[in-house]
Amino acid sequence: MPKPSTTRNLSGSSRSTADAPDLPTITFAGRAGMAVAALSVPMVALYFVYSGPPPEWNVLTRSLLTLVTMAVLTVFGVALARLLPRDDTGRSTLVGQLTVVSLLTYVAVILFATSLEAGTPLAFPDRGMDPTTDGPLAAAMALAHGPIAHLWIAMFFLGFARAARHFTTAVSPVVPWWALRGAVVVGVVNLLAVPSLYFGMDATHFYAVNGWGADALVGLITLVWVGFLGLGIHRARPVT
């Protein structure tokens, strides 16, 4: 009588262990995503407090909020990397890797743009300059905050929707369907904002590269939807 093979059983055991939900990571990712949304609202609001050049405290405060928001977004990205599906070899899928790398690249771009923005009042504290429109660094900051950031965060949302679809068929889904559909919509909205670099730097225009629509509004929607992703992850976690 042939002996039963143990290879298949071992493989199945390791597979089930690898696919088991990581509850601490799920909770961590969910809370980090929601924290990003909570921080983004006052951060964006500070851009609309003054119609003219903002005082130094305003620019530095919103820059500090941006740094904290990006730090929490980095935490969210690292936690998300542990939740996205893996292939048969135990490595992250290509789409999953692209998703996480795109998000972390977005963080780096925003940090670069924020350093340029905060540098204007630090270098010229008594000049009453608006760093989003005045000075040689404004154009570089606008391009980084705008089309560059839009493209990379769109890659994140669309990649996330594709990679996380694996979880929707699991017994305990990590991401609900509404979160995936919303991620696709927000990704497409960001793609539509990429051509704003052709529409000048008049911030009062909706579709200007630094405008209130293509830049501020789309940026707020983007970070708030990260919060909804966190909420979806948190609410869909398996109950023990």
C-alpha atoms as a PDB file:
ATOM      1  CA  MET A   1       0.000   0.000   0.000  1.00  0.00           C
ATOM      2  CA  PRO A   2       1.525   3.387  -0.964  1.00  0.00           C
ATOM      3  CA  LYS A   3       2.212   5.793   1.863  1.00  0.00           C
ATOM      4  CA  PRO A   4       0.162   8.998   1.844  1.00  0.00           C
ATOM      5  CA  SER A   5       2.153  11.989   0.753  1.00  0.00           C
ATOM      6  CA  THR A   6       2.847  14.581   3.417  1.00  0.00           C
ATOM      7  CA  THR A   7       4.007  17.209   0.939  1.00  0.00           C
ATOM      8  CA  ARG A   8       0.496  18.235   0.016  1.00  0.00           C
ATOM      9  CA  ASN A   9      -0.564  18.435   3.657  1.00  0.00           C
ATOM     10  CA  LEU A  10       2.424  20.554   4.624  1.00  0.00           C
ATOM     11  CA  SER A  11       1.798  22.842   1.691  1.00  0.00           C
ATOM     12  CA  GLY A  12      -1.836  23.210   2.615  1.00  0.00           C
ATOM     13  CA  SER A  13      -0.934  23.919   6.240  1.00  0.00           C
ATOM     14  CA  SER A  14       1.534  26.632   5.306  1.00  0.00           C
ATOM     15  CA  ARG A  15      -0.914  28.116   2.838  1.00  0.00           C
ATOM     16  CA  SER A  16      -3.666  28.354   5.431  1.00  0.00           C
ATOM     17  CA  THR A  17      -1.263  29.928   7.904  1.00  0.00           C
ATOM     18  CA  ALA A  18      -0.132  32.494   5.352  1.00  0.00           C
ATOM     19  CA  ASP A  19      -3.732  33.310   4.434  1.00  0.00           C
ATOM     20  CA  ALA A  20      -4.887  33.634   8.040  1.00  0.00           C
ATOM     21  CA  PRO A  21      -6.048  37.156   8.809  1.00  0.00           C
ATOM     22  CA  ASP A  22      -3.492  39.279  10.656  1.00  0.00           C
ATOM     23  CA  LEU A  23      -5.880  40.936  13.109  1.00  0.00           C
ATOM     24  CA  PRO A  24      -3.391  43.371  14.738  1.00  0.00           C
ATOM     25  CA  THR A  25      -2.233  44.559  11.313  1.00  0.00           C
ATOM     26  CA  ILE A  26      -5.820  44.907  10.061  1.00  0.00           C
ATOM     27  CA  THR A  27      -6.741  47.021  13.082  1.00  0.00           C
ATOM     28  CA  PHE A  28      -3.544  49.060  12.758  1.00  0.00           C
ATOM     29  CA  ALA A  29      -4.101  49.734   9.055  1.00  0.00           C
ATOM     30  CA  GLY A  30      -7.726  50.659   9.597  1.00  0.00           C
ATOM     31  CA  ARG A  31      -6.987  53.161  12.337  1.00  0.00           C
ATOM     32  CA  ALA A  32      -4.044  54.663  10.462  1.00  0.00           C
ATOM     33  CA  GLY A  33      -6.178  55.209   7.357  1.00  0.00           C
ATOM     34  CA  MET A  34      -8.908  56.924   9.369  1.00  0.00           C
ATOM     35  CA  ALA A  35      -6.298  59.095  11.097  1.00  0.00           C
ATOM     36  CA  VAL A  36      -5.042  60.280   7.692  1.00  0.00           C
ATOM     37  CA  ALA A  37      -8.535  61.518   6.819  1.00  0.00           C
ATOM     38  CA  ALA A  38      -8.965  63.256  10.180  1.00  0.00           C
ATOM     39  CA  LEU A  39      -5.645  65.086   9.843  1.00  0.00           C
ATOM     40  CA  SER A  40      -6.218  66.088   6.219  1.00  0.00           C
ATOM     41  CA  VAL A  41      -9.355  68.168   6.901  1.00  0.00           C
ATOM     42  CA  PRO A  42      -7.712  70.871   9.094  1.00  0.00           C
ATOM     43  CA  MET A  43      -4.588  70.704   6.939  1.00  0.00           C
ATOM     44  CA  VAL A  44      -6.474  71.614   3.751  1.00  0.00           C
ATOM     45  CA  ALA A  45      -8.719  74.091   5.612  1.00  0.00           C
ATOM     46  CA  LEU A  46      -5.668  76.175   6.557  1.00  0.00           C
ATOM     47  CA  TYR A  47      -5.104  76.892   2.854  1.00  0.00           C
ATOM     48  CA  PHE A  48      -8.440  78.765   2.686  1.00  0.00           C
ATOM     49  CA  VAL A  49      -8.253  80.841   5.869  1.00  0.00           C
ATOM     50  CA  TYR A  50      -6.671  83.831   4.112  1.00  0.00           C
ATOM     51  CA  SER A  51      -7.572  85.169   0.675  1.00  0.00           C
ATOM     52  CA  GLY A  52      -4.202  86.894   0.335  1.00  0.00           C
ATOM     53  CA  PRO A  53      -0.682  85.915   1.391  1.00  0.00           C
ATOM     54  CA  PRO A  54      -0.968  83.867   4.620  1.00  0.00           C
ATOM     55  CA  PRO A  55       1.089  84.687   7.728  1.00  0.00           C
ATOM     56  CA  GLU A  56       4.110  82.623   8.586  1.00  0.00           C
ATOM     57  CA  TRP A  57       2.325  80.655  11.330  1.00  0.00           C
ATOM     58  CA  ASN A  58      -0.312  79.509   8.861  1.00  0.00           C
ATOM     59  CA  VAL A  59       2.179  78.125   6.351  1.00  0.00           C
ATOM     60  CA  LEU A  60       4.317  76.470   9.005  1.00  0.00           C
ATOM     61  CA  THR A  61       1.306  74.958  10.800  1.00  0.00           C
ATOM     62  CA  ARG A  62      -0.177  73.425   7.671  1.00  0.00           C
ATOM     63  CA  SER A  63       3.285  72.179   6.706  1.00  0.00           C
ATOM     64  CA  LEU A  64       3.642  70.530  10.109  1.00  0.00           C
ATOM     65  CA  LEU A  65       0.211  68.922   9.724  1.00  0.00           C
ATOM     66  CA  THR A  66       1.291  67.663   6.316  1.00  0.00           C
ATOM     67  CA  LEU A  67       4.401  66.065   7.809  1.00  0.00           C
ATOM     68  CA  VAL A  68       2.340  64.288  10.459  1.00  0.00           C
ATOM     69  CA  THR A  69      -0.250  63.198   7.881  1.00  0.00           C
ATOM     70  CA  MET A  70       2.420  61.756   5.608  1.00  0.00           C
ATOM     71  CA  ALA A  71       4.015  59.952   8.550  1.00  0.00           C
ATOM     72  CA  VAL A  72       0.679  58.286   9.367  1.00  0.00           C
ATOM     73  CA  LEU A  73       0.129  57.552   5.664  1.00  0.00           C
ATOM     74  CA  THR A  74       3.500  55.786   5.624  1.00  0.00           C
ATOM     75  CA  VAL A  75       2.371  53.652   8.550  1.00  0.00           C
ATOM     76  CA  PHE A  76      -0.821  52.856   6.640  1.00  0.00           C
ATOM     77  CA  GLY A  77       1.180  51.838   3.564  1.00  0.00           C
ATOM     78  CA  VAL A  78       3.481  49.531   5.515  1.00  0.00           C
ATOM     79  CA  ALA A  79       0.525  47.863   7.239  1.00  0.00           C
ATOM     80  CA  LEU A  80      -1.285  47.544   3.920  1.00  0.00           C
ATOM     81  CA  ALA A  81       1.731  45.778   2.425  1.00  0.00           C
ATOM     82  CA  ARG A  82       1.211  42.987   4.975  1.00  0.00           C
ATOM     83  CA  LEU A  83      -2.456  42.609   4.011  1.00  0.00           C
ATOM     84  CA  LEU A  84      -2.298  42.561   0.218  1.00  0.00           C
ATOM     85  CA  PRO A  85      -2.399  39.099  -1.397  1.00  0.00           C
ATOM     86  CA  ARG A  86       0.706  37.052  -2.087  1.00  0.00           C
ATOM     87  CA  ASP A  87       1.495  34.544  -4.813  1.00  0.00           C
ATOM     88  CA  ASP A  88       2.211  30.832  -4.422  1.00  0.00           C
ATOM     89  CA  THR A  89       5.809  31.532  -3.451  1.00  0.00           C
ATOM     90  CA  GLY A  90       4.782  33.762  -0.544  1.00  0.00           C
ATOM     91  CA  ARG A  91       5.966  36.948  -2.226  1.00  0.00           C
ATOM     92  CA  SER A  92       3.793  40.002  -2.808  1.00  0.00           C
ATOM     93  CA  THR A  93       2.150  40.083  -6.217  1.00  0.00           C
ATOM     94  CA  LEU A  94       3.413  42.523  -8.840  1.00  0.00           C
ATOM     95  CA  VAL A  95       0.278  44.651  -8.527  1.00  0.00           C
ATOM     96  CA  GLY A  96       0.563  44.611  -4.747  1.00  0.00           C
ATOM     97  CA  GLN A  97       4.156  45.788  -4.856  1.00  0.00           C
ATOM     98  CA  LEU A  98       3.254  48.528  -7.335  1.00  0.00           C
ATOM     99  CA  THR A  99       0.448  49.655  -5.020  1.00  0.00           C
ATOM    100  CA  VAL A 100       2.672  50.074  -1.986  1.00  0.00           C
ATOM    101  CA  VAL A 101       5.592  51.619  -3.906  1.00  0.00           C
ATOM    102  CA  SER A 102       3.235  54.128  -5.551  1.00  0.00           C
ATOM    103  CA  LEU A 103       1.828  55.176  -2.175  1.00  0.00           C
ATOM    104  CA  LEU A 104       5.266  55.621  -0.615  1.00  0.00           C
ATOM    105  CA  THR A 105       6.441  57.550  -3.679  1.00  0.00           C
ATOM    106  CA  TYR A 106       3.417  59.818  -3.280  1.00  0.00           C
ATOM    107  CA  VAL A 107       4.471  60.422   0.332  1.00  0.00           C
ATOM    108  CA  ALA A 108       7.998  61.350  -0.788  1.00  0.00           C
ATOM    109  CA  VAL A 109       6.666  63.761  -3.433  1.00  0.00           C
ATOM    110  CA  ILE A 110       4.366  65.517  -0.949  1.00  0.00           C
ATOM    111  CA  LEU A 111       7.209  65.820   1.568  1.00  0.00           C
ATOM    112  CA  PHE A 112       9.395  67.391  -1.126  1.00  0.00           C
ATOM    113  CA  ALA A 113       6.651  69.854  -2.061  1.00  0.00           C
ATOM    114  CA  THR A 114       6.038  70.697   1.594  1.00  0.00           C
ATOM    115  CA  SER A 115       9.710  71.461   2.134  1.00  0.00           C
ATOM    116  CA  LEU A 116       9.558  73.938  -0.741  1.00  0.00           C
ATOM    117  CA  GLU A 117       6.391  75.501   0.631  1.00  0.00           C
ATOM    118  CA  ALA A 118       7.703  75.933   4.167  1.00  0.00           C
ATOM    119  CA  GLY A 119      11.012  77.226   2.827  1.00  0.00           C
ATOM    120  CA  THR A 120       9.436  80.444   1.491  1.00  0.00           C
ATOM    121  CA  PRO A 121       8.328  81.966   4.832  1.00  0.00           C
ATOM    122  CA  LEU A 122      11.469  80.654   6.527  1.00  0.00           C
ATOM    123  CA  ALA A 123      13.713  82.381   3.987  1.00  0.00           C
ATOM    124  CA  PHE A 124      11.580  85.519   3.633  1.00  0.00           C
ATOM    125  CA  PRO A 125       9.689  85.899   6.939  1.00  0.00           C
ATOM    126  CA  ASP A 126       8.829  89.596   6.463  1.00  0.00           C
ATOM    127  CA  ARG A 127       7.994  89.657   2.767  1.00  0.00           C
ATOM    128  CA  GLY A 128       4.333  88.545   2.968  1.00  0.00           C
ATOM    129  CA  MET A 129       4.734  85.975   0.200  1.00  0.00           C
ATOM    130  CA  ASP A 130       2.231  83.256  -0.629  1.00  0.00           C
ATOM    131  CA  PRO A 131       4.356  80.127  -1.193  1.00  0.00           C
ATOM    132  CA  THR A 132       1.694  78.608  -3.471  1.00  0.00           C
ATOM    133  CA  THR A 133       1.917  81.487  -5.982  1.00  0.00           C
ATOM    134  CA  ASP A 134       4.938  83.671  -5.167  1.00  0.00           C
ATOM    135  CA  GLY A 135       8.637  83.049  -5.400  1.00  0.00           C
ATOM    136  CA  PRO A 136      10.759  80.782  -7.589  1.00  0.00           C
ATOM    137  CA  LEU A 137       9.758  77.656  -5.676  1.00  0.00           C
ATOM    138  CA  ALA A 138       6.005  78.046  -6.230  1.00  0.00           C
ATOM    139  CA  ALA A 139       5.962  76.462  -9.685  1.00  0.00           C
ATOM    140  CA  ALA A 140       8.017  73.449  -8.578  1.00  0.00           C
ATOM    141  CA  MET A 141       5.821  73.012  -5.508  1.00  0.00           C
ATOM    142  CA  ALA A 142       2.631  73.275  -7.581  1.00  0.00           C
ATOM    143  CA  LEU A 143       3.786  70.620 -10.033  1.00  0.00           C
ATOM    144  CA  ALA A 144       4.751  68.272  -7.213  1.00  0.00           C
ATOM    145  CA  HIS A 145       1.533  68.815  -5.242  1.00  0.00           C
ATOM    146  CA  GLY A 146      -0.491  68.604  -8.451  1.00  0.00           C
ATOM    147  CA  PRO A 147       0.142  66.410 -11.531  1.00  0.00           C
ATOM    148  CA  ILE A 148       3.034  64.382 -10.091  1.00  0.00           C
ATOM    149  CA  ALA A 149       1.168  63.561  -6.893  1.00  0.00           C
ATOM    150  CA  HIS A 150      -2.083  62.906  -8.795  1.00  0.00           C
ATOM    151  CA  LEU A 151      -0.470  60.356 -11.094  1.00  0.00           C
ATOM    152  CA  TRP A 152       1.239  58.376  -8.368  1.00  0.00           C
ATOM    153  CA  ILE A 153      -1.724  58.334  -6.012  1.00  0.00           C
ATOM    154  CA  ALA A 154      -3.912  57.238  -8.934  1.00  0.00           C
ATOM    155  CA  MET A 155      -1.534  54.313  -9.456  1.00  0.00           C
ATOM    156  CA  PHE A 156      -1.976  53.488  -5.773  1.00  0.00           C
ATOM    157  CA  PHE A 157      -5.786  53.536  -5.807  1.00  0.00           C
ATOM    158  CA  LEU A 158      -6.145  51.601  -9.052  1.00  0.00           C
ATOM    159  CA  GLY A 159      -3.475  49.105  -8.024  1.00  0.00           C
ATOM    160  CA  PHE A 160      -5.082  48.689  -4.622  1.00  0.00           C
ATOM    161  CA  ALA A 161      -8.484  48.017  -6.182  1.00  0.00           C
ATOM    162  CA  ARG A 162      -6.963  45.364  -8.427  1.00  0.00           C
ATOM    163  CA  ALA A 163      -4.792  43.710  -5.775  1.00  0.00           C
ATOM    164  CA  ALA A 164      -7.336  43.765  -2.953  1.00  0.00           C
ATOM    165  CA  ARG A 165     -10.052  42.183  -5.092  1.00  0.00           C
ATOM    166  CA  HIS A 166      -8.603  38.870  -3.904  1.00  0.00           C
ATOM    167  CA  PHE A 167     -10.053  39.501  -0.454  1.00  0.00           C
ATOM    168  CA  THR A 168     -13.622  40.042  -1.579  1.00  0.00           C
ATOM    169  CA  THR A 169     -14.079  36.314  -2.215  1.00  0.00           C
ATOM    170  CA  ALA A 170     -12.623  35.253   1.117  1.00  0.00           C
ATOM    171  CA  VAL A 171     -14.758  34.126   4.014  1.00  0.00           C
ATOM    172  CA  SER A 172     -13.574  37.146   6.013  1.00  0.00           C
ATOM    173  CA  PRO A 173     -12.999  39.946   3.483  1.00  0.00           C
ATOM    174  CA  VAL A 174     -10.447  42.575   4.480  1.00  0.00           C
ATOM    175  CA  VAL A 175     -11.830  45.181   2.077  1.00  0.00           C
ATOM    176  CA  PRO A 176     -15.550  45.530   1.229  1.00  0.00           C
ATOM    177  CA  TRP A 177     -16.754  46.074  -2.323  1.00  0.00           C
ATOM    178  CA  TRP A 178     -17.736  49.713  -1.771  1.00  0.00           C
ATOM    179  CA  ALA A 179     -14.154  50.547  -0.771  1.00  0.00           C
ATOM    180  CA  LEU A 180     -12.798  49.007  -3.971  1.00  0.00           C
ATOM    181  CA  ARG A 181     -15.314  50.816  -6.198  1.00  0.00           C
ATOM    182  CA  GLY A 182     -14.566  54.105  -4.471  1.00  0.00           C
ATOM    183  CA  ALA A 183     -10.829  53.566  -4.901  1.00  0.00           C
ATOM    184  CA  VAL A 184     -11.335  53.208  -8.656  1.00  0.00           C
ATOM    185  CA  VAL A 185     -13.402  56.418  -8.792  1.00  0.00           C
ATOM    186  CA  VAL A 186     -10.845  58.419  -6.790  1.00  0.00           C
ATOM    187  CA  GLY A 187      -8.033  56.993  -8.925  1.00  0.00           C
ATOM    188  CA  VAL A 188      -9.790  58.111 -12.117  1.00  0.00           C
ATOM    189  CA  VAL A 189     -10.478  61.572 -10.630  1.00  0.00           C
ATOM    190  CA  ASN A 190      -6.772  61.958  -9.921  1.00  0.00           C
ATOM    191  CA  LEU A 191      -5.924  60.920 -13.471  1.00  0.00           C
ATOM    192  CA  LEU A 192      -8.302  63.587 -14.782  1.00  0.00           C
ATOM    193  CA  ALA A 193      -6.431  66.171 -12.703  1.00  0.00           C
ATOM    194  CA  VAL A 194      -3.019  65.324 -14.186  1.00  0.00           C
ATOM    195  CA  PRO A 195      -3.403  67.570 -17.311  1.00  0.00           C
ATOM    196  CA  SER A 196      -3.934  70.606 -15.035  1.00  0.00           C
ATOM    197  CA  LEU A 197      -0.311  71.591 -15.685  1.00  0.00           C
ATOM    198  CA  TYR A 198      -1.527  73.045 -19.023  1.00  0.00           C
ATOM    199  CA  PHE A 199      -3.930  75.470 -17.318  1.00  0.00           C
ATOM    200  CA  GLY A 200      -1.586  77.929 -15.604  1.00  0.00           C
ATOM    201  CA  MET A 201      -1.137  78.957 -11.983  1.00  0.00           C
ATOM    202  CA  ASP A 202      -4.147  81.171 -11.276  1.00  0.00           C
ATOM    203  CA  ALA A 203      -5.269  79.557  -8.032  1.00  0.00           C
ATOM    204  CA  THR A 204      -8.801  80.975  -8.437  1.00  0.00           C
ATOM    205  CA  HIS A 205      -9.358  78.777 -11.495  1.00  0.00           C
ATOM    206  CA  PHE A 206     -10.812  75.356 -10.797  1.00  0.00           C
ATOM    207  CA  TYR A 207      -8.482  73.449 -13.115  1.00  0.00           C
ATOM    208  CA  ALA A 208      -5.276  75.441 -12.612  1.00  0.00           C
ATOM    209  CA  VAL A 209      -2.222  73.417 -11.608  1.00  0.00           C
ATOM    210  CA  ASN A 210      -2.463  74.970  -8.132  1.00  0.00           C
ATOM    211  CA  GLY A 211      -6.197  75.699  -8.330  1.00  0.00           C
ATOM    212  CA  TRP A 212      -8.767  75.090  -5.641  1.00  0.00           C
ATOM    213  CA  GLY A 213     -10.349  72.297  -7.658  1.00  0.00           C
ATOM    214  CA  ALA A 214      -7.683  70.240  -9.403  1.00  0.00           C
ATOM    215  CA  ASP A 215      -5.249  70.651  -6.518  1.00  0.00           C
ATOM    216  CA  ALA A 216      -6.921  71.361  -3.165  1.00  0.00           C
ATOM    217  CA  LEU A 217     -10.296  69.670  -3.667  1.00  0.00           C
ATOM    218  CA  VAL A 218      -8.903  66.577  -5.387  1.00  0.00           C
ATOM    219  CA  GLY A 219      -6.168  66.345  -2.756  1.00  0.00           C
ATOM    220  CA  LEU A 220      -8.732  66.494   0.039  1.00  0.00           C
ATOM    221  CA  ILE A 221     -10.926  63.859  -1.611  1.00  0.00           C
ATOM    222  CA  THR A 222      -7.860  61.656  -2.019  1.00  0.00           C
ATOM    223  CA  LEU A 223      -6.826  61.746   1.629  1.00  0.00           C
ATOM    224  CA  VAL A 224     -10.385  61.483   2.911  1.00  0.00           C
ATOM    225  CA  TRP A 225     -10.873  58.365   0.805  1.00  0.00           C
ATOM    226  CA  VAL A 226      -7.776  56.863   2.387  1.00  0.00           C
ATOM    227  CA  GLY A 227      -9.785  57.273   5.578  1.00  0.00           C
ATOM    228  CA  PHE A 228     -12.714  55.426   4.021  1.00  0.00           C
ATOM    229  CA  LEU A 229     -10.343  52.636   2.993  1.00  0.00           C
ATOM    230  CA  GLY A 230      -9.186  52.483   6.595  1.00  0.00           C
ATOM    231  CA  LEU A 231     -12.804  52.402   7.739  1.00  0.00           C
ATOM    232  CA  GLY A 232     -13.573  49.598   5.292  1.00  0.00           C
ATOM    233  CA  ILE A 233     -10.578  47.591   6.455  1.00  0.00           C
ATOM    234  CA  HIS A 234     -11.484  48.173  10.092  1.00  0.00           C
ATOM    235  CA  ARG A 235     -15.167  47.255   9.752  1.00  0.00           C
ATOM    236  CA  ALA A 236     -14.536  44.199   7.566  1.00  0.00           C
ATOM    237  CA  ARG A 237     -12.033  42.638   9.940  1.00  0.00           C
ATOM    238  CA  PRO A 238     -12.940  39.152  11.136  1.00  0.00           C
ATOM    239  CA  VAL A 239     -14.575  39.021  14.565  1.00  0.00           C
ATOM    240  CA  THR A 240     -12.855  36.684  17.001  1.00  0.00           C
END
